[in-house]
């Protein structure tokens, strides 16, 4: 067959074929592809099959030079001899030529050109020594069957999902595309990888309605997650799936929403882990970047105002579930909110108020407040490290502020210390590692709520006073 010879020539060193391509015309479930592929081979001289993801097999014409393939694609589409959504791809790995099934020599079968796709080359023969049976030999029923339209022997290929795709990035090499896909799937596990008709590789989400894709493309651009190749594309322009995209739920844009107060937004963003700046109610670049990041993380709406409303409501529901309540600690002189159904007062020691786990929760909270400055703040963080409350800590130390965060197999430790009005305020949160998702949220709520209570005499370290006791 000429197709096999052409493939061999194309693989020889010095062959004139610079970029062999295949005109992909159909895809079938791998278990049912043989008769369909043989049918195409009966109509065209160079038919190939090649593996596709998800248990599918592609059927194509080629290989051939790209210029010839483009001309053939236009010609065959105009004649209606191939599906309208056929497209050109580089010769896929594992492509194999297909030969048409020959008719049985003793029967008057189809012509050498082969059957139409899905038809059979089998012609029933008579008894030994008889001439082969023909439709005229079988009576009226056979005539009716001969006139009936042919039905395919295999299930038809499913129609492609309706909607467009949001192309996030485009690459020229598979290595770069695979690395980028792994990174995208950390935040968007639904992302897929596609071989585009021009040979490029695209990472995309979809399918989805065009208006939804356009709205979310704007959100990705605002968050600076995509570059100049980001676009909304129909399936034919996106090309062949190499790593199929999974169904993704991206809501359509709704009515315009009112932006909540910026202080509430900043608190909610810090709770969500996207903001570590001051709660000052000012619209700065850090706040805007955090809002854009949260739009993609929450996926509530492509509209920032609607997303912030949803985030604030989500935070309030979580606060209620965590049973955050106000704690006024007389030893440190600090007031804050904390999950007191998981904590109980233990003791005062070395100027510290220590709250241990309640009912085996695995949580603990240490508070500290005393006159001092930068050095006293550093002394506090050194004590925390020495006692192992924050294991193997990562440190961030600046003038008037220090943060330590670390974890081991059992717990996450986070210490925060500040210098304000000539006093050091310190907090250590110990949280079970099995509830790691809530740890940064609890820490953010505590830090956001810390206030100095009215001046009071320090409580003696040996006093058996518990803030949980009634006054």
Protein backbone atom coordinates (compact mmCIF):
# COMPACT_ATOMS: atom_id res chain seq x y z
CA UNK A 1 0.00 0.00 0.00
CA UNK A 2 1.30 3.47 -0.90
CA UNK A 3 0.60 4.89 2.62
CA UNK A 4 3.03 2.47 4.28
CA UNK A 5 5.71 3.21 1.69
CA UNK A 6 5.18 6.93 2.10
CA UNK A 7 5.60 6.61 5.88
CA UNK A 8 8.85 4.70 5.49
CA UNK A 9 10.23 7.27 3.04
CA UNK A 10 9.25 10.11 5.39
CA UNK A 11 11.28 8.51 8.19
CA UNK A 12 14.46 8.08 6.13
CA UNK A 13 17.41 10.46 6.78
CA UNK A 14 17.45 13.31 4.32
CA UNK A 15 13.84 12.80 3.27
CA UNK A 16 12.33 15.86 1.68
CA UNK A 17 9.31 15.84 4.03
CA UNK A 18 10.13 18.59 6.51
CA UNK A 19 6.98 18.35 8.63
CA UNK A 20 4.79 15.30 8.01
CA UNK A 21 1.20 15.82 9.10
CA UNK A 22 -2.02 13.84 9.21
CA UNK A 23 -5.51 14.98 8.26
CA UNK A 24 -7.53 13.74 11.23
CA UNK A 25 -11.07 12.84 10.16
CA UNK A 26 -12.63 10.78 12.95
CA UNK A 27 -12.23 9.24 16.41
CA UNK A 28 -13.69 5.97 17.64
CA UNK A 29 -13.59 3.90 20.78
CA UNK A 30 -10.48 1.76 20.40
CA UNK A 31 -12.38 -1.54 20.67
CA UNK A 32 -14.63 -0.62 17.74
CA UNK A 33 -12.25 1.24 15.45
CA UNK A 34 -11.17 -1.57 13.07
CA UNK A 35 -14.22 -1.81 10.77
CA UNK A 36 -14.60 1.96 10.58
CA UNK A 37 -10.91 2.48 9.76
CA UNK A 38 -11.07 -0.28 7.13
CA UNK A 39 -14.08 1.43 5.60
CA UNK A 40 -12.15 4.68 5.26
CA UNK A 41 -9.23 2.71 3.80
CA UNK A 42 -11.55 1.42 1.11
CA UNK A 43 -12.20 5.00 0.00
CA UNK A 44 -8.79 6.64 0.47
CA UNK A 45 -5.32 5.23 -0.23
CA UNK A 46 -3.46 6.56 2.85
CA UNK A 47 -5.40 5.91 6.05
CA UNK A 48 -3.75 5.78 9.49
CA UNK A 49 -4.89 5.09 13.04
CA UNK A 50 -3.24 6.51 16.15
CA UNK A 51 -3.92 6.32 19.90
CA UNK A 52 -5.79 9.10 21.70
CA UNK A 53 -6.31 9.57 25.45
CA UNK A 54 -9.22 7.99 27.27
CA UNK A 55 -9.46 4.75 25.27
CA UNK A 56 -10.07 6.41 21.89
CA UNK A 57 -8.32 5.94 18.55
CA UNK A 58 -7.97 8.59 15.87
CA UNK A 59 -8.38 7.97 12.15
CA UNK A 60 -6.60 10.16 9.64
CA UNK A 61 -5.28 10.52 6.12
CA UNK A 62 -1.56 10.78 5.51
CA UNK A 63 1.14 11.41 6.21
CA UNK A 64 1.66 14.28 3.79
CA UNK A 65 3.32 17.66 3.64
CA UNK A 66 1.43 20.43 5.43
CA UNK A 67 0.80 22.42 2.24
CA UNK A 68 -0.67 19.36 0.54
CA UNK A 69 -2.73 18.56 3.65
CA UNK A 70 -4.25 22.04 3.72
CA UNK A 71 -5.24 21.76 0.07
CA UNK A 72 -6.68 18.26 0.59
CA UNK A 73 -8.59 19.38 3.66
CA UNK A 74 -10.24 22.19 1.71
CA UNK A 75 -11.01 19.94 -1.26
CA UNK A 76 -12.53 17.07 0.71
CA UNK A 77 -14.56 19.41 2.92
CA UNK A 78 -15.98 21.11 -0.18
CA UNK A 79 -16.95 17.74 -1.63
CA UNK A 80 -18.49 16.61 1.66
CA UNK A 81 -16.32 13.50 1.73
CA UNK A 82 -14.95 14.08 5.25
CA UNK A 83 -16.53 15.54 8.42
CA UNK A 84 -16.61 19.32 8.57
CA UNK A 85 -14.64 19.38 11.84
CA UNK A 86 -11.64 17.47 10.41
CA UNK A 87 -8.31 19.14 11.11
CA UNK A 88 -4.54 18.81 10.62
CA UNK A 89 -2.15 17.48 13.27
CA UNK A 90 1.52 16.48 13.22
CA UNK A 91 2.00 12.75 12.70
CA UNK A 92 1.01 11.34 16.11
CA UNK A 93 3.24 8.93 17.96
CA UNK A 94 2.20 5.33 17.39
CA UNK A 95 0.47 5.99 14.04
CA UNK A 96 -0.13 2.85 11.96
CA UNK A 97 -1.27 2.50 8.32
CA UNK A 98 -4.59 0.74 7.65
CA UNK A 99 -5.38 -1.59 4.76
CA UNK A 100 -8.84 -2.12 3.35
CA UNK A 101 -10.36 -5.57 3.90
CA UNK A 102 -10.21 -7.56 0.68
CA UNK A 103 -13.37 -9.22 -0.65
CA UNK A 104 -13.49 -13.07 -0.47
CA UNK A 105 -12.08 -14.43 -3.74
CA UNK A 106 -15.02 -16.77 -4.35
CA UNK A 107 -17.60 -14.02 -4.02
CA UNK A 108 -18.57 -11.10 -6.19
CA UNK A 109 -17.80 -8.56 -3.49
CA UNK A 110 -17.35 -4.81 -3.52
CA UNK A 111 -14.96 -3.17 -5.89
CA UNK A 112 -11.27 -2.84 -5.17
CA UNK A 113 -11.97 0.65 -3.91
CA UNK A 114 -13.41 -0.97 -0.76
CA UNK A 115 -16.61 -0.46 1.23
CA UNK A 116 -18.08 2.67 2.62
CA UNK A 117 -17.25 3.26 6.28
CA UNK A 118 -19.17 0.84 8.47
CA UNK A 119 -20.27 -1.50 5.67
CA UNK A 120 -19.25 -5.15 5.42
CA UNK A 121 -17.26 -6.98 2.71
CA UNK A 122 -19.00 -10.27 3.55
CA UNK A 123 -21.13 -11.72 0.73
CA UNK A 124 -23.07 -14.91 1.61
CA UNK A 125 -22.35 -17.87 -0.67
CA UNK A 126 -24.55 -20.83 -1.54
CA UNK A 127 -24.01 -24.51 -0.85
CA UNK A 128 -20.93 -26.29 -2.13
CA UNK A 129 -20.97 -26.36 -5.92
CA UNK A 130 -23.70 -23.68 -6.20
CA UNK A 131 -23.21 -20.17 -7.52
CA UNK A 132 -22.94 -17.45 -4.88
CA UNK A 133 -26.29 -16.18 -3.68
CA UNK A 134 -27.42 -12.74 -4.86
CA UNK A 135 -30.26 -10.48 -3.68
CA UNK A 136 -32.36 -11.72 -6.67
CA UNK A 137 -32.11 -15.30 -5.34
CA UNK A 138 -33.53 -14.42 -1.93
CA UNK A 139 -36.95 -12.97 -2.72
CA UNK A 140 -38.80 -9.77 -1.80
CA UNK A 141 -37.50 -9.61 1.77
CA UNK A 142 -33.94 -9.52 0.53
CA UNK A 143 -34.88 -6.76 -1.95
CA UNK A 144 -36.27 -4.69 0.91
CA UNK A 145 -33.14 -5.27 2.94
CA UNK A 146 -30.94 -4.36 -0.01
CA UNK A 147 -32.86 -1.10 -0.49
CA UNK A 148 -32.73 -0.25 3.24
CA UNK A 149 -30.11 2.25 4.32
CA UNK A 150 -26.90 0.75 5.64
CA UNK A 151 -26.28 0.92 9.38
CA UNK A 152 -22.86 1.14 10.95
CA UNK A 153 -21.60 -1.94 12.74
CA UNK A 154 -20.17 0.19 15.54
CA UNK A 155 -21.49 2.90 17.82
CA UNK A 156 -21.14 6.39 16.32
CA UNK A 157 -18.53 8.76 17.71
CA UNK A 158 -20.08 11.02 20.35
CA UNK A 159 -20.61 14.64 19.43
CA UNK A 160 -18.03 16.98 20.96
CA UNK A 161 -19.22 18.84 24.09
CA UNK A 162 -21.00 22.08 23.31
CA UNK A 163 -19.29 25.35 24.09
CA UNK A 164 -15.99 27.13 23.71
CA UNK A 165 -12.69 26.72 25.51
CA UNK A 166 -10.61 29.19 27.49
CA UNK A 167 -7.01 28.86 26.32
CA UNK A 168 -4.72 29.79 29.20
CA UNK A 169 -1.27 29.31 27.67
CA UNK A 170 0.37 28.13 24.46
CA UNK A 171 3.69 26.31 24.00
CA UNK A 172 5.87 25.02 21.19
CA UNK A 173 7.31 21.96 22.99
CA UNK A 174 5.62 19.11 24.84
CA UNK A 175 8.12 19.31 27.69
CA UNK A 176 7.27 22.93 28.47
CA UNK A 177 3.54 22.28 28.07
CA UNK A 178 3.58 19.28 30.43
CA UNK A 179 5.42 21.27 33.10
CA UNK A 180 2.96 24.15 32.81
CA UNK A 181 -0.03 21.78 32.88
CA UNK A 182 1.18 20.25 36.14
CA UNK A 183 1.44 23.74 37.62
CA UNK A 184 -2.02 24.80 36.41
CA UNK A 185 -3.61 21.65 37.78
CA UNK A 186 -2.52 22.56 41.30
CA UNK A 187 -5.21 25.27 41.19
CA UNK A 188 -7.34 24.03 38.29
CA UNK A 189 -7.26 20.22 38.16
CA UNK A 190 -9.81 20.39 35.33
CA UNK A 191 -7.27 21.90 32.89
CA UNK A 192 -6.44 19.94 29.73
CA UNK A 193 -3.71 19.89 27.11
CA UNK A 194 -4.49 20.13 23.38
CA UNK A 195 -2.56 19.75 20.14
CA UNK A 196 -3.59 22.76 18.05
CA UNK A 197 -4.07 22.57 14.27
CA UNK A 198 -0.97 24.75 13.73
CA UNK A 199 1.19 22.35 15.75
CA UNK A 200 1.23 24.37 18.97
CA UNK A 201 0.27 23.00 22.38
CA UNK A 202 -2.45 24.71 24.41
CA UNK A 203 -3.55 24.48 28.04
CA UNK A 204 -7.27 25.14 28.27
CA UNK A 205 -10.41 24.95 30.40
CA UNK A 206 -13.82 24.04 29.08
CA UNK A 207 -16.07 23.67 27.30
CA UNK A 208 -18.34 26.48 28.50
CA UNK A 209 -20.68 29.08 26.98
CA UNK A 210 -18.80 31.82 25.14
CA UNK A 211 -20.04 34.59 27.46
CA UNK A 212 -18.85 32.64 30.50
CA UNK A 213 -15.44 32.03 28.94
CA UNK A 214 -15.05 35.71 28.04
CA UNK A 215 -15.95 36.85 31.56
CA UNK A 216 -13.48 34.47 33.21
CA UNK A 217 -10.78 35.37 30.69
CA UNK A 218 -11.06 38.91 32.05
CA UNK A 219 -10.67 37.58 35.60
CA UNK A 220 -7.55 35.63 34.67
CA UNK A 221 -6.07 38.72 33.01
CA UNK A 222 -6.82 40.91 36.02
CA UNK A 223 -5.04 38.40 38.24
CA UNK A 224 -2.10 38.40 35.78
CA UNK A 225 -2.30 34.62 35.45
CA UNK A 226 -2.31 34.62 31.63
CA UNK A 227 -0.42 36.34 28.84
CA UNK A 228 -0.99 37.39 25.25
CA UNK A 229 -1.89 33.90 24.00
CA UNK A 230 -4.93 33.63 26.28
CA UNK A 231 -8.12 33.53 24.22
CA UNK A 232 -11.58 32.01 23.87
CA UNK A 233 -11.55 29.37 21.11
CA UNK A 234 -14.08 26.98 19.53
CA UNK A 235 -13.20 23.26 19.72
CA UNK A 236 -12.05 23.12 16.09
CA UNK A 237 -9.44 25.83 16.70
CA UNK A 238 -8.28 24.26 19.95
CA UNK A 239 -7.49 20.94 18.30
CA UNK A 240 -6.91 17.39 19.47
CA UNK A 241 -6.98 16.59 23.21
CA UNK A 242 -3.76 15.09 24.50
CA UNK A 243 -4.74 15.37 28.18
CA UNK A 244 -8.52 15.93 28.11
CA UNK A 245 -10.02 18.80 30.07
CA UNK A 246 -12.53 17.81 32.73
CA UNK A 247 -15.88 19.47 33.29
CA UNK A 248 -15.46 22.73 35.21
CA UNK A 249 -18.09 24.79 37.02
CA UNK A 250 -17.39 28.46 36.34
CA UNK A 251 -20.52 30.55 37.06
CA UNK A 252 -21.83 33.01 34.52
CA UNK A 253 -21.60 36.71 35.36
CA UNK A 254 -24.63 37.96 37.25
CA UNK A 255 -26.09 41.38 38.03
CA UNK A 256 -23.64 44.07 39.15
CA UNK A 257 -22.90 43.76 42.87
CA UNK A 258 -21.91 46.43 45.39
CA UNK A 259 -18.35 46.25 46.70
CA UNK A 260 -18.28 45.76 50.52
CA UNK A 261 -16.22 48.07 52.77
CA UNK A 262 -12.49 47.61 52.20
CA UNK A 263 -11.74 46.84 55.85
CA UNK A 264 -14.18 43.93 55.73
CA UNK A 265 -12.64 42.81 52.45
CA UNK A 266 -9.10 42.91 53.85
CA UNK A 267 -10.12 40.88 56.91
CA UNK A 268 -11.83 38.29 54.74
CA UNK A 269 -8.85 38.14 52.38
CA UNK A 270 -6.44 37.64 55.27
CA UNK A 271 -8.68 34.88 56.60
CA UNK A 272 -8.55 33.25 53.14
CA UNK A 273 -4.75 33.48 53.07
CA UNK A 274 -4.44 35.98 50.22
CA UNK A 275 -3.56 39.13 52.18
CA UNK A 276 -0.95 39.81 54.84
CA UNK A 277 -0.95 43.61 54.85
CA UNK A 278 -2.42 46.06 57.29
CA UNK A 279 -6.17 46.28 57.84
CA UNK A 280 -6.35 49.95 56.87
CA UNK A 281 -9.33 50.14 54.50
CA UNK A 282 -7.13 51.62 51.75
CA UNK A 283 -7.32 50.55 48.12
CA UNK A 284 -3.71 49.71 47.33
CA UNK A 285 -1.98 47.34 44.89
CA UNK A 286 -1.66 44.58 47.50
CA UNK A 287 -5.40 44.66 48.21
CA UNK A 288 -6.28 44.70 44.51
CA UNK A 289 -3.95 41.77 43.80
CA UNK A 290 -5.48 39.80 46.68
CA UNK A 291 -9.01 40.44 45.40
CA UNK A 292 -8.06 39.25 41.90
CA UNK A 293 -6.44 36.10 43.31
CA UNK A 294 -9.49 35.32 45.41
CA UNK A 295 -11.81 35.60 42.39
CA UNK A 296 -9.96 32.66 40.80
CA UNK A 297 -9.64 30.74 44.08
CA UNK A 298 -13.27 30.97 45.20
CA UNK A 299 -14.87 30.67 41.73
CA UNK A 300 -18.07 32.25 43.03
CA UNK A 301 -18.30 34.82 40.24
CA UNK A 302 -16.04 36.55 37.73
CA UNK A 303 -17.21 39.84 39.29
CA UNK A 304 -14.86 41.00 42.14
CA UNK A 305 -17.66 42.65 44.14
CA UNK A 306 -19.84 39.53 44.04
CA UNK A 307 -16.85 37.39 45.00
CA UNK A 308 -16.03 39.59 47.99
CA UNK A 309 -19.62 39.38 49.19
CA UNK A 310 -19.46 35.60 48.94
CA UNK A 311 -16.10 35.46 50.73
CA UNK A 312 -17.29 37.62 53.63
CA UNK A 313 -20.38 35.42 54.02
CA UNK A 314 -18.20 32.30 53.92
CA UNK A 315 -15.95 33.70 56.64
CA UNK A 316 -18.91 34.51 58.87
CA UNK A 317 -20.29 30.98 58.48
CA UNK A 318 -16.87 29.55 59.37
CA UNK A 319 -16.55 31.79 62.45
CA UNK A 320 -19.89 30.53 63.67
CA UNK A 321 -18.90 26.90 63.09
CA UNK A 322 -15.59 27.44 64.95
CA UNK A 323 -17.45 29.03 67.88
CA UNK A 324 -15.00 31.94 68.09
CA UNK A 325 -15.59 33.81 71.31
CA UNK A 326 -13.95 36.75 73.06
CA UNK A 327 -11.14 36.05 75.51
CA UNK A 328 -9.95 38.75 77.96
CA UNK A 329 -6.65 37.58 79.44
CA UNK A 330 -5.68 39.47 82.64
CA UNK A 331 -2.06 38.27 82.76
CA UNK A 332 -1.04 39.57 79.32
CA UNK A 333 -3.54 42.40 79.23
CA UNK A 334 -4.71 41.21 75.80
CA UNK A 335 -8.23 40.79 74.44
CA UNK A 336 -8.92 38.66 71.36
CA UNK A 337 -11.25 36.09 69.81
CA UNK A 338 -10.30 32.42 69.96
CA UNK A 339 -11.91 28.96 69.53
CA UNK A 340 -12.50 28.52 73.25
CA UNK A 341 -14.42 25.25 72.83
CA UNK A 342 -10.98 23.77 71.94
CA UNK A 343 -8.95 25.58 74.62
CA UNK A 344 -8.93 25.80 78.40
CA UNK A 345 -6.82 27.82 80.81
CA UNK A 346 -3.87 25.88 82.22
CA UNK A 347 -1.49 28.19 84.08
CA UNK A 348 0.53 31.41 84.24
CA UNK A 349 4.27 30.86 83.95
CA UNK A 350 7.24 33.18 83.26
CA UNK A 351 4.89 36.01 82.34
CA UNK A 352 2.96 33.76 79.98
CA UNK A 353 -0.70 32.80 79.97
CA UNK A 354 -0.93 29.19 78.77
CA UNK A 355 -4.15 27.68 77.44
CA UNK A 356 -3.99 23.95 76.81
CA UNK A 357 -6.17 21.61 74.76
CA UNK A 358 -9.76 21.02 75.77
CA UNK A 359 -11.19 17.52 75.30
CA UNK A 360 -8.11 16.31 73.46
CA UNK A 361 -8.40 18.92 70.70
CA UNK A 362 -4.62 19.15 70.24
CA UNK A 363 -4.75 22.97 70.23
CA UNK A 364 -2.97 25.37 72.55
CA UNK A 365 -2.60 29.15 72.86
CA UNK A 366 0.11 31.13 74.68
CA UNK A 367 -0.24 34.88 75.29
CA UNK A 368 2.40 37.35 76.46
CA UNK A 369 2.33 41.05 77.26
CA UNK A 370 4.96 43.14 79.03
CA UNK A 371 6.82 46.45 78.75
CA UNK A 372 9.68 46.34 76.26
CA UNK A 373 10.99 47.02 72.77
CA UNK A 374 12.82 45.26 69.96
CA UNK A 375 15.18 43.30 72.20
CA UNK A 376 12.43 42.08 74.51
CA UNK A 377 10.44 41.03 71.44
CA UNK A 378 13.42 38.99 70.20
CA UNK A 379 13.82 37.47 73.68
CA UNK A 380 10.21 36.28 73.48
CA UNK A 381 10.74 34.62 70.08
CA UNK A 382 13.93 32.97 71.39
CA UNK A 383 12.01 31.50 74.33
CA UNK A 384 9.33 30.18 72.00
CA UNK A 385 11.96 28.44 69.86
CA UNK A 386 13.78 27.00 72.87
CA UNK A 387 10.58 25.47 74.22
CA UNK A 388 9.83 23.83 70.86
CA UNK A 389 6.43 25.40 70.43
CA UNK A 390 7.33 26.32 66.85
CA UNK A 391 9.42 23.44 65.45
CA UNK A 392 12.19 24.30 62.96
CA UNK A 393 10.74 27.77 62.44
CA UNK A 394 10.93 29.98 59.39
CA UNK A 395 11.55 33.51 60.66
CA UNK A 396 10.46 36.91 59.43
CA UNK A 397 11.86 39.67 61.63
CA UNK A 398 11.44 43.39 61.06
CA UNK A 399 11.49 46.47 63.21
CA UNK A 400 8.71 46.05 65.74
CA UNK A 401 7.38 42.76 64.38
CA UNK A 402 8.44 39.10 64.23
CA UNK A 403 6.79 35.95 62.84
CA UNK A 404 7.80 32.32 63.32
CA UNK A 405 6.07 29.43 61.54
CA UNK A 406 7.00 25.74 61.61
CA UNK A 407 5.54 22.26 61.73
CA UNK A 408 6.36 18.66 62.52
CA UNK A 409 4.43 15.40 62.28
CA UNK A 410 1.95 16.33 65.00
CA UNK A 411 1.41 20.08 65.06
CA UNK A 412 1.81 23.45 63.38
CA UNK A 413 3.27 26.26 65.44
CA UNK A 414 2.95 29.96 64.70
CA UNK A 415 4.28 32.77 66.87
CA UNK A 416 3.67 36.48 66.34
CA UNK A 417 5.23 39.31 68.34
CA UNK A 418 4.76 43.05 68.03
CA UNK A 419 6.02 46.18 69.73
CA UNK A 420 3.32 48.80 70.29
CA UNK A 421 3.26 51.78 72.65
CA UNK A 422 6.31 50.57 74.57
CA UNK A 423 4.94 47.07 75.14
CA UNK A 424 5.57 43.67 73.60
CA UNK A 425 2.50 41.69 72.58
CA UNK A 426 3.12 38.01 71.86
CA UNK A 427 0.95 35.12 70.70
CA UNK A 428 1.73 31.46 69.99
CA UNK A 429 -0.89 29.21 68.37
CA UNK A 430 -0.29 25.46 68.40
CA UNK A 431 -2.65 23.56 66.11
CA UNK A 432 -2.98 19.86 65.18
CA UNK A 433 -1.49 19.08 61.78
CA UNK A 434 -4.51 16.95 60.86
CA UNK A 435 -6.54 20.19 60.74
CA UNK A 436 -3.93 22.13 58.77
CA UNK A 437 -6.46 23.94 56.57
CA UNK A 438 -7.97 25.80 59.53
CA UNK A 439 -4.67 26.79 61.17
CA UNK A 440 -3.91 29.93 59.14
CA UNK A 441 -7.54 31.02 59.43
CA UNK A 442 -7.60 30.71 63.20
CA UNK A 443 -4.25 32.53 63.45
CA UNK A 444 -5.56 35.34 61.22
CA UNK A 445 -8.68 35.75 63.35
CA UNK A 446 -6.64 35.93 66.55
CA UNK A 447 -4.16 38.43 65.15
CA UNK A 448 -6.87 40.57 63.61
CA UNK A 449 -8.72 40.81 66.90
CA UNK A 450 -5.88 41.40 69.40
CA UNK A 451 -6.44 44.53 71.48
CA UNK A 452 -4.95 45.79 74.72
CA UNK A 453 -7.42 45.65 77.61
CA UNK A 454 -7.68 48.55 80.09
CA UNK A 455 -4.64 48.74 82.37
CA UNK A 456 -4.69 46.19 85.14
CA UNK A 457 -2.24 44.89 87.68
CA UNK A 458 -0.41 41.79 86.45
CA UNK A 459 -1.69 38.58 87.97
CA UNK A 460 0.89 36.74 90.14
CA UNK A 461 2.30 33.77 88.30
CA UNK A 462 1.18 31.34 91.03
CA UNK A 463 -2.38 32.66 91.21
CA UNK A 464 -4.91 29.91 90.34
CA UNK A 465 -7.01 32.31 88.29
CA UNK A 466 -8.66 31.07 85.11
CA UNK A 467 -10.42 33.34 82.65
CA UNK A 468 -12.90 30.48 82.24
CA UNK A 469 -13.94 30.87 85.91
CA UNK A 470 -16.93 33.08 86.64
CA UNK A 471 -16.11 36.50 88.01
